[in-house]
Amino acid sequence: MQSRSRLQTILATLALHLGAAALIFYFAYHAYNGDHGLVAKRNFEQEMKALEAELAALKAQRLAIENKVSLLVANRLDPDMLDEEGRRQLNFINAKDLVLLRSK
């Protein structure tokens, strides 16, 4: 008959508890810092907010451009828009325009 010493029993129990604690620590660490952990989720949410803000700015810019283009449609041409675009593209100014020169 085999008998275990008291020291062997204590060491086996201690090793089991240390192994379980190490396993729990491993999973807890990766749940917080891993590829799909809490830190990654926070970074993803911040990036998503930044991209949503950029998308909103791009949508506003697109809407402004579409509005300008709609004013240049041939059947309802806005004379002011035509004059403004022509002057800007040809680098002309009107005699009644006030020009402010800025140094860069």
N, C-alpha and C. Protein backbone atom coordinates (compact mmCIF):
# COMPACT_ATOMS: atom_id res chain seq x y z
N MET A 1 0.83 -1.15 0.00
CA MET A 1 0.00 0.00 0.00
C MET A 1 0.90 1.24 0.00
N GLN A 2 0.47 2.22 -0.81
CA GLN A 2 1.24 3.44 -0.91
C GLN A 2 0.66 4.49 0.01
N SER A 3 1.51 5.22 0.57
CA SER A 3 1.04 6.32 1.40
C SER A 3 1.78 7.58 0.98
N ARG A 4 1.06 8.65 0.92
CA ARG A 4 1.65 9.93 0.55
C ARG A 4 2.01 10.68 1.81
N SER A 5 3.09 11.34 1.72
CA SER A 5 3.48 12.12 2.89
C SER A 5 2.64 13.40 2.92
N ARG A 6 2.59 13.97 4.06
CA ARG A 6 1.82 15.20 4.24
C ARG A 6 2.40 16.32 3.36
N LEU A 7 3.69 16.37 3.21
CA LEU A 7 4.35 17.38 2.39
C LEU A 7 3.96 17.24 0.92
N GLN A 8 3.91 16.00 0.44
CA GLN A 8 3.51 15.77 -0.95
C GLN A 8 2.08 16.23 -1.19
N THR A 9 1.19 16.00 -0.27
CA THR A 9 -0.20 16.42 -0.40
C THR A 9 -0.30 17.94 -0.44
N ILE A 10 0.45 18.59 0.45
CA ILE A 10 0.42 20.06 0.49
C ILE A 10 1.01 20.63 -0.80
N LEU A 11 2.12 20.05 -1.28
CA LEU A 11 2.73 20.55 -2.51
C LEU A 11 1.83 20.31 -3.72
N ALA A 12 1.15 19.19 -3.79
CA ALA A 12 0.25 18.90 -4.90
C ALA A 12 -0.93 19.89 -4.89
N THR A 13 -1.48 20.16 -3.72
CA THR A 13 -2.58 21.12 -3.60
C THR A 13 -2.11 22.52 -3.97
N LEU A 14 -0.92 22.88 -3.50
CA LEU A 14 -0.36 24.19 -3.82
C LEU A 14 -0.11 24.33 -5.32
N ALA A 15 0.43 23.30 -5.94
CA ALA A 15 0.69 23.33 -7.38
C ALA A 15 -0.62 23.45 -8.16
N LEU A 16 -1.67 22.75 -7.72
CA LEU A 16 -2.97 22.83 -8.38
C LEU A 16 -3.53 24.25 -8.28
N HIS A 17 -3.44 24.83 -7.10
CA HIS A 17 -3.96 26.19 -6.91
C HIS A 17 -3.14 27.21 -7.69
N LEU A 18 -1.82 27.07 -7.72
CA LEU A 18 -0.98 27.99 -8.48
C LEU A 18 -1.24 27.86 -9.99
N GLY A 19 -1.44 26.63 -10.44
CA GLY A 19 -1.76 26.42 -11.86
C GLY A 19 -3.10 27.05 -12.22
N ALA A 20 -4.10 26.87 -11.35
CA ALA A 20 -5.41 27.49 -11.61
C ALA A 20 -5.31 29.01 -11.58
N ALA A 21 -4.55 29.55 -10.64
CA ALA A 21 -4.38 31.01 -10.56
C ALA A 21 -3.65 31.54 -11.79
N ALA A 22 -2.64 30.80 -12.26
CA ALA A 22 -1.92 31.23 -13.46
C ALA A 22 -2.83 31.20 -14.68
N LEU A 23 -3.68 30.20 -14.78
CA LEU A 23 -4.63 30.10 -15.89
C LEU A 23 -5.64 31.25 -15.84
N ILE A 24 -6.14 31.55 -14.65
CA ILE A 24 -7.08 32.67 -14.50
C ILE A 24 -6.39 33.98 -14.85
N PHE A 25 -5.16 34.18 -14.39
CA PHE A 25 -4.41 35.39 -14.71
C PHE A 25 -4.19 35.52 -16.21
N TYR A 26 -3.85 34.41 -16.86
CA TYR A 26 -3.62 34.41 -18.30
C TYR A 26 -4.86 34.88 -19.05
N PHE A 27 -6.01 34.32 -18.73
CA PHE A 27 -7.24 34.69 -19.42
C PHE A 27 -7.69 36.11 -19.06
N ALA A 28 -7.48 36.52 -17.83
CA ALA A 28 -7.84 37.88 -17.43
C ALA A 28 -6.96 38.90 -18.15
N TYR A 29 -5.67 38.62 -18.25
CA TYR A 29 -4.76 39.52 -18.95
C TYR A 29 -5.18 39.68 -20.41
N HIS A 30 -5.48 38.57 -21.09
CA HIS A 30 -5.85 38.64 -22.50
C HIS A 30 -7.26 39.21 -22.69
N ALA A 31 -8.12 39.08 -21.70
CA ALA A 31 -9.44 39.71 -21.80
C ALA A 31 -9.31 41.22 -21.73
N TYR A 32 -8.29 41.71 -21.07
CA TYR A 32 -8.10 43.16 -20.96
C TYR A 32 -7.21 43.70 -22.08
N ASN A 33 -6.08 43.05 -22.35
CA ASN A 33 -5.09 43.56 -23.30
C ASN A 33 -5.05 42.85 -24.63
N GLY A 34 -5.82 41.82 -24.82
CA GLY A 34 -5.72 41.01 -26.03
C GLY A 34 -6.25 41.71 -27.27
N ASP A 35 -6.21 41.01 -28.40
CA ASP A 35 -6.68 41.56 -29.68
C ASP A 35 -8.16 41.92 -29.64
N HIS A 36 -8.94 41.22 -28.85
CA HIS A 36 -10.37 41.48 -28.74
C HIS A 36 -10.76 41.89 -27.32
N GLY A 37 -9.82 42.41 -26.57
CA GLY A 37 -10.04 42.76 -25.18
C GLY A 37 -10.65 44.14 -25.00
N LEU A 38 -10.68 44.57 -23.76
CA LEU A 38 -11.31 45.85 -23.41
C LEU A 38 -10.55 47.04 -23.99
N VAL A 39 -9.24 46.99 -23.98
CA VAL A 39 -8.44 48.09 -24.54
C VAL A 39 -8.67 48.18 -26.04
N ALA A 40 -8.70 47.05 -26.73
CA ALA A 40 -8.94 47.04 -28.17
C ALA A 40 -10.34 47.57 -28.48
N LYS A 41 -11.29 47.23 -27.64
CA LYS A 41 -12.66 47.71 -27.85
C LYS A 41 -12.71 49.23 -27.69
N ARG A 42 -12.04 49.76 -26.67
CA ARG A 42 -12.01 51.21 -26.46
C ARG A 42 -11.35 51.91 -27.64
N ASN A 43 -10.23 51.37 -28.12
CA ASN A 43 -9.55 51.96 -29.28
C ASN A 43 -10.43 51.91 -30.52
N PHE A 44 -11.14 50.80 -30.70
CA PHE A 44 -12.04 50.65 -31.84
C PHE A 44 -13.16 51.68 -31.77
N GLU A 45 -13.72 51.90 -30.59
CA GLU A 45 -14.81 52.87 -30.45
C GLU A 45 -14.32 54.29 -30.71
N GLN A 46 -13.10 54.62 -30.26
CA GLN A 46 -12.55 55.95 -30.52
C GLN A 46 -12.30 56.14 -32.01
N GLU A 47 -11.77 55.12 -32.65
CA GLU A 47 -11.53 55.20 -34.09
C GLU A 47 -12.84 55.32 -34.86
N MET A 48 -13.86 54.60 -34.39
CA MET A 48 -15.16 54.65 -35.04
C MET A 48 -15.77 56.06 -34.91
N LYS A 49 -15.63 56.69 -33.73
CA LYS A 49 -16.15 58.05 -33.56
C LYS A 49 -15.42 59.03 -34.48
N ALA A 50 -14.11 58.88 -34.59
CA ALA A 50 -13.33 59.77 -35.47
C ALA A 50 -13.74 59.58 -36.93
N LEU A 51 -13.95 58.33 -37.33
CA LEU A 51 -14.35 58.07 -38.71
C LEU A 51 -15.77 58.55 -38.99
N GLU A 52 -16.65 58.45 -37.99
CA GLU A 52 -18.01 58.96 -38.16
C GLU A 52 -18.00 60.48 -38.30
N ALA A 53 -17.14 61.15 -37.53
CA ALA A 53 -17.03 62.61 -37.66
C ALA A 53 -16.48 62.98 -39.04
N GLU A 54 -15.49 62.23 -39.50
CA GLU A 54 -14.94 62.48 -40.84
C GLU A 54 -15.99 62.23 -41.91
N LEU A 55 -16.79 61.18 -41.73
CA LEU A 55 -17.87 60.88 -42.68
C LEU A 55 -18.89 62.00 -42.71
N ALA A 56 -19.25 62.52 -41.54
CA ALA A 56 -20.21 63.63 -41.48
C ALA A 56 -19.66 64.86 -42.20
N ALA A 57 -18.36 65.15 -42.00
CA ALA A 57 -17.75 66.29 -42.68
C ALA A 57 -17.73 66.09 -44.18
N LEU A 58 -17.42 64.87 -44.62
CA LEU A 58 -17.40 64.58 -46.05
C LEU A 58 -18.79 64.65 -46.66
N LYS A 59 -19.80 64.21 -45.90
CA LYS A 59 -21.18 64.30 -46.40
C LYS A 59 -21.60 65.75 -46.54
N ALA A 60 -21.21 66.59 -45.58
CA ALA A 60 -21.54 68.02 -45.66
C ALA A 60 -20.84 68.65 -46.84
N GLN A 61 -19.58 68.28 -47.05
CA GLN A 61 -18.82 68.81 -48.18
C GLN A 61 -19.46 68.37 -49.50
N ARG A 62 -19.86 67.11 -49.56
CA ARG A 62 -20.50 66.61 -50.77
C ARG A 62 -21.81 67.32 -51.03
N LEU A 63 -22.60 67.56 -49.98
CA LEU A 63 -23.86 68.27 -50.12
C LEU A 63 -23.63 69.69 -50.62
N ALA A 64 -22.59 70.35 -50.12
CA ALA A 64 -22.28 71.71 -50.59
C ALA A 64 -21.88 71.70 -52.06
N ILE A 65 -21.08 70.71 -52.45
CA ILE A 65 -20.67 70.62 -53.86
C ILE A 65 -21.86 70.31 -54.75
N GLU A 66 -22.74 69.40 -54.30
CA GLU A 66 -23.93 69.08 -55.08
C GLU A 66 -24.82 70.31 -55.23
N ASN A 67 -24.91 71.11 -54.17
CA ASN A 67 -25.71 72.33 -54.24
C ASN A 67 -25.12 73.30 -55.26
N LYS A 68 -23.80 73.45 -55.26
CA LYS A 68 -23.15 74.33 -56.23
C LYS A 68 -23.36 73.82 -57.65
N VAL A 69 -23.25 72.51 -57.83
CA VAL A 69 -23.42 71.93 -59.16
C VAL A 69 -24.86 72.11 -59.63
N SER A 70 -25.81 71.97 -58.70
CA SER A 70 -27.21 72.13 -59.10
C SER A 70 -27.51 73.56 -59.54
N LEU A 71 -26.74 74.53 -59.02
CA LEU A 71 -26.92 75.91 -59.46
C LEU A 71 -26.35 76.16 -60.86
N LEU A 72 -25.48 75.27 -61.32
CA LEU A 72 -24.88 75.41 -62.64
C LEU A 72 -25.58 74.58 -63.72
N VAL A 73 -26.72 73.97 -63.40
CA VAL A 73 -27.46 73.18 -64.38
C VAL A 73 -28.00 74.14 -65.45
N ALA A 74 -27.96 73.69 -66.71
CA ALA A 74 -28.26 74.58 -67.83
C ALA A 74 -29.69 75.13 -67.80
N ASN A 75 -30.66 74.35 -67.39
CA ASN A 75 -32.05 74.84 -67.46
C ASN A 75 -32.39 75.83 -66.34
N ARG A 76 -31.63 75.88 -65.26
CA ARG A 76 -31.86 76.88 -64.22
C ARG A 76 -30.52 77.47 -63.76
N LEU A 77 -29.84 78.04 -64.67
CA LEU A 77 -28.52 78.59 -64.42
C LEU A 77 -28.62 79.87 -63.59
N ASP A 78 -27.87 79.93 -62.52
CA ASP A 78 -27.83 81.11 -61.67
C ASP A 78 -26.76 82.06 -62.21
N PRO A 79 -27.15 83.27 -62.61
CA PRO A 79 -26.16 84.18 -63.21
C PRO A 79 -25.03 84.54 -62.24
N ASP A 80 -25.32 84.66 -60.97
CA ASP A 80 -24.27 84.98 -60.00
C ASP A 80 -23.23 83.87 -59.90
N MET A 81 -23.73 82.62 -59.90
CA MET A 81 -22.79 81.48 -59.84
C MET A 81 -21.94 81.42 -61.10
N LEU A 82 -22.57 81.65 -62.24
CA LEU A 82 -21.83 81.63 -63.50
C LEU A 82 -20.74 82.72 -63.49
N ASP A 83 -21.10 83.91 -63.04
CA ASP A 83 -20.14 85.01 -62.98
C ASP A 83 -19.00 84.68 -62.01
N GLU A 84 -19.35 84.14 -60.85
CA GLU A 84 -18.34 83.80 -59.85
C GLU A 84 -17.39 82.72 -60.35
N GLU A 85 -17.93 81.67 -60.95
CA GLU A 85 -17.09 80.58 -61.47
C GLU A 85 -16.20 81.06 -62.61
N GLY A 86 -16.78 81.86 -63.51
CA GLY A 86 -15.99 82.38 -64.64
C GLY A 86 -14.84 83.23 -64.17
N ARG A 87 -15.09 84.10 -63.21
CA ARG A 87 -14.01 84.96 -62.70
C ARG A 87 -12.95 84.15 -61.98
N ARG A 88 -13.38 83.18 -61.19
CA ARG A 88 -12.42 82.39 -60.43
C ARG A 88 -11.54 81.57 -61.37
N GLN A 89 -12.13 80.96 -62.41
CA GLN A 89 -11.35 80.11 -63.31
C GLN A 89 -10.45 80.94 -64.24
N LEU A 90 -10.90 82.13 -64.59
CA LEU A 90 -10.11 82.97 -65.50
C LEU A 90 -9.23 83.98 -64.77
N ASN A 91 -9.32 84.01 -63.44
CA ASN A 91 -8.55 84.95 -62.62
C ASN A 91 -8.83 86.41 -62.99
N PHE A 92 -10.09 86.73 -63.22
CA PHE A 92 -10.51 88.10 -63.51
C PHE A 92 -11.22 88.67 -62.30
N ILE A 93 -11.21 90.01 -62.21
CA ILE A 93 -12.00 90.67 -61.19
C ILE A 93 -12.83 91.76 -61.85
N ASN A 94 -13.90 92.13 -61.23
CA ASN A 94 -14.75 93.20 -61.71
C ASN A 94 -14.19 94.52 -61.20
N ALA A 95 -14.46 95.60 -61.92
CA ALA A 95 -13.97 96.91 -61.50
C ALA A 95 -14.59 97.35 -60.18
N LYS A 96 -15.75 96.82 -59.86
CA LYS A 96 -16.44 97.20 -58.61
C LYS A 96 -16.07 96.30 -57.43
N ASP A 97 -15.26 95.30 -57.68
CA ASP A 97 -14.87 94.38 -56.61
C ASP A 97 -13.82 95.01 -55.71
N LEU A 98 -13.89 94.68 -54.44
CA LEU A 98 -12.90 95.12 -53.48
C LEU A 98 -11.93 93.96 -53.26
N VAL A 99 -10.65 94.17 -53.49
CA VAL A 99 -9.67 93.11 -53.39
C VAL A 99 -8.79 93.35 -52.18
N LEU A 100 -8.68 92.36 -51.32
CA LEU A 100 -7.82 92.43 -50.15
C LEU A 100 -6.62 91.53 -50.39
N LEU A 101 -5.44 92.08 -50.29
CA LEU A 101 -4.22 91.30 -50.47
C LEU A 101 -3.68 90.90 -49.11
N ARG A 102 -3.37 89.63 -48.97
CA ARG A 102 -2.81 89.12 -47.72
C ARG A 102 -1.41 88.62 -47.99
N SER A 103 -0.55 88.84 -47.03
CA SER A 103 0.79 88.27 -47.15
C SER A 103 0.77 86.91 -46.45
N LYS A 104 1.47 85.97 -47.00
CA LYS A 104 1.45 84.60 -46.44
C LYS A 104 2.53 84.41 -45.45
